[in-house]
């Protein structure tokens, strides 16, 4: 591997990490919202509210993912808002 190959590989991995971190948190929001909706007493998809234990976190990277606070911003609130919107569509 040349130095240029190393730099290119590192840049590709860093970009992929940042994209995967964002996707991971967005998917958590979506699944948490669906879990909440499915566990709602009026919907009763499940006898209990399935879900996560805790809130997900991603690790910052000094170059490729500095602002993890922006990604983590309002995760639970966003999931709750999405859950309410899902419930409004169920007939």
Protein backbone atom coordinates (compact mmCIF):
# COMPACT_ATOMS: atom_id res chain seq x y z
CA UNK A 1 0.00 0.00 0.00
CA UNK A 2 1.32 3.39 -0.91
CA UNK A 3 0.96 6.48 1.20
CA UNK A 4 -1.68 7.77 -1.22
CA UNK A 5 -3.55 4.45 -0.96
CA UNK A 6 -3.47 4.72 2.82
CA UNK A 7 -4.85 8.26 2.73
CA UNK A 8 -7.60 7.29 0.28
CA UNK A 9 -8.55 4.22 2.30
CA UNK A 10 -8.64 6.22 5.52
CA UNK A 11 -10.79 8.92 3.93
CA UNK A 12 -13.20 6.32 2.57
CA UNK A 13 -13.43 4.59 5.94
CA UNK A 14 -13.96 7.89 7.75
CA UNK A 15 -16.74 8.93 5.39
CA UNK A 16 -18.37 5.51 5.70
CA UNK A 17 -18.17 5.71 9.50
CA UNK A 18 -19.85 9.11 9.60
CA UNK A 19 -22.63 7.95 7.26
CA UNK A 20 -23.15 4.71 9.22
CA UNK A 21 -23.33 6.60 12.52
CA UNK A 22 -26.04 8.90 11.17
CA UNK A 23 -27.97 5.97 9.69
CA UNK A 24 -27.69 4.01 12.95
CA UNK A 25 -29.25 6.83 14.98
CA UNK A 26 -31.99 7.54 12.42
CA UNK A 27 -32.85 3.84 12.35
CA UNK A 28 -32.97 3.80 16.15
CA UNK A 29 -35.48 6.66 16.06
CA UNK A 30 -37.63 4.82 13.50
CA UNK A 31 -37.57 1.48 15.33
CA UNK A 32 -38.17 3.06 18.73
CA UNK A 33 -41.18 4.92 17.31
CA UNK A 34 -42.57 1.69 15.85
CA UNK A 35 -41.98 -0.13 19.14
CA UNK A 36 -43.87 2.58 21.01
CA UNK A 37 -46.73 2.53 18.51
CA UNK A 38 -46.93 -1.27 18.57
CA UNK A 39 -46.99 -1.32 22.34
CA UNK A 40 -49.74 1.29 22.56
CA UNK A 41 -52.80 -0.08 24.35
CA UNK A 42 -55.13 1.01 21.55
CA UNK A 43 -53.09 -0.81 18.92
CA UNK A 44 -52.05 -3.85 20.98
CA UNK A 45 -49.61 -5.36 18.49
CA UNK A 46 -47.69 -6.61 21.49
CA UNK A 47 -48.64 -7.41 25.08
CA UNK A 48 -45.75 -5.26 26.25
CA UNK A 49 -43.82 -2.33 24.88
CA UNK A 50 -40.82 -3.85 23.13
CA UNK A 51 -37.76 -1.75 22.82
CA UNK A 52 -34.32 -0.69 23.69
CA UNK A 53 -32.57 -0.44 27.01
CA UNK A 54 -30.93 2.96 26.96
CA UNK A 55 -30.20 5.54 24.33
CA UNK A 56 -27.70 4.84 21.56
CA UNK A 57 -24.45 6.70 21.29
CA UNK A 58 -21.86 6.99 18.57
CA UNK A 59 -18.27 7.88 19.18
CA UNK A 60 -16.89 11.13 17.83
CA UNK A 61 -13.89 11.12 15.54
CA UNK A 62 -11.53 14.08 15.52
CA UNK A 63 -11.71 14.45 11.75
CA UNK A 64 -14.69 12.61 10.31
CA UNK A 65 -17.38 12.95 12.98
CA UNK A 66 -16.73 15.86 15.29
CA UNK A 67 -20.25 16.96 16.14
CA UNK A 68 -21.96 13.90 17.59
CA UNK A 69 -24.17 16.19 19.67
CA UNK A 70 -25.91 17.20 16.45
CA UNK A 71 -26.58 13.54 15.63
CA UNK A 72 -27.80 12.75 19.14
CA UNK A 73 -30.00 15.84 19.22
CA UNK A 74 -33.52 15.03 20.49
CA UNK A 75 -33.40 11.28 19.72
CA UNK A 76 -36.11 10.39 22.23
CA UNK A 77 -38.25 13.41 21.33
CA UNK A 78 -38.00 12.61 17.63
CA UNK A 79 -38.97 8.99 18.27
CA UNK A 80 -41.96 10.11 20.34
CA UNK A 81 -43.07 12.56 17.63
CA UNK A 82 -42.77 9.85 15.00
CA UNK A 83 -44.70 7.42 17.23
CA UNK A 84 -47.56 9.92 17.59
CA UNK A 85 -47.60 10.41 13.81
CA UNK A 86 -47.73 6.62 13.28
CA UNK A 87 -50.64 6.26 15.69
CA UNK A 88 -52.53 8.97 13.81
CA UNK A 89 -52.37 6.88 10.63
CA UNK A 90 -53.65 3.62 12.14
CA UNK A 91 -57.29 2.87 11.48
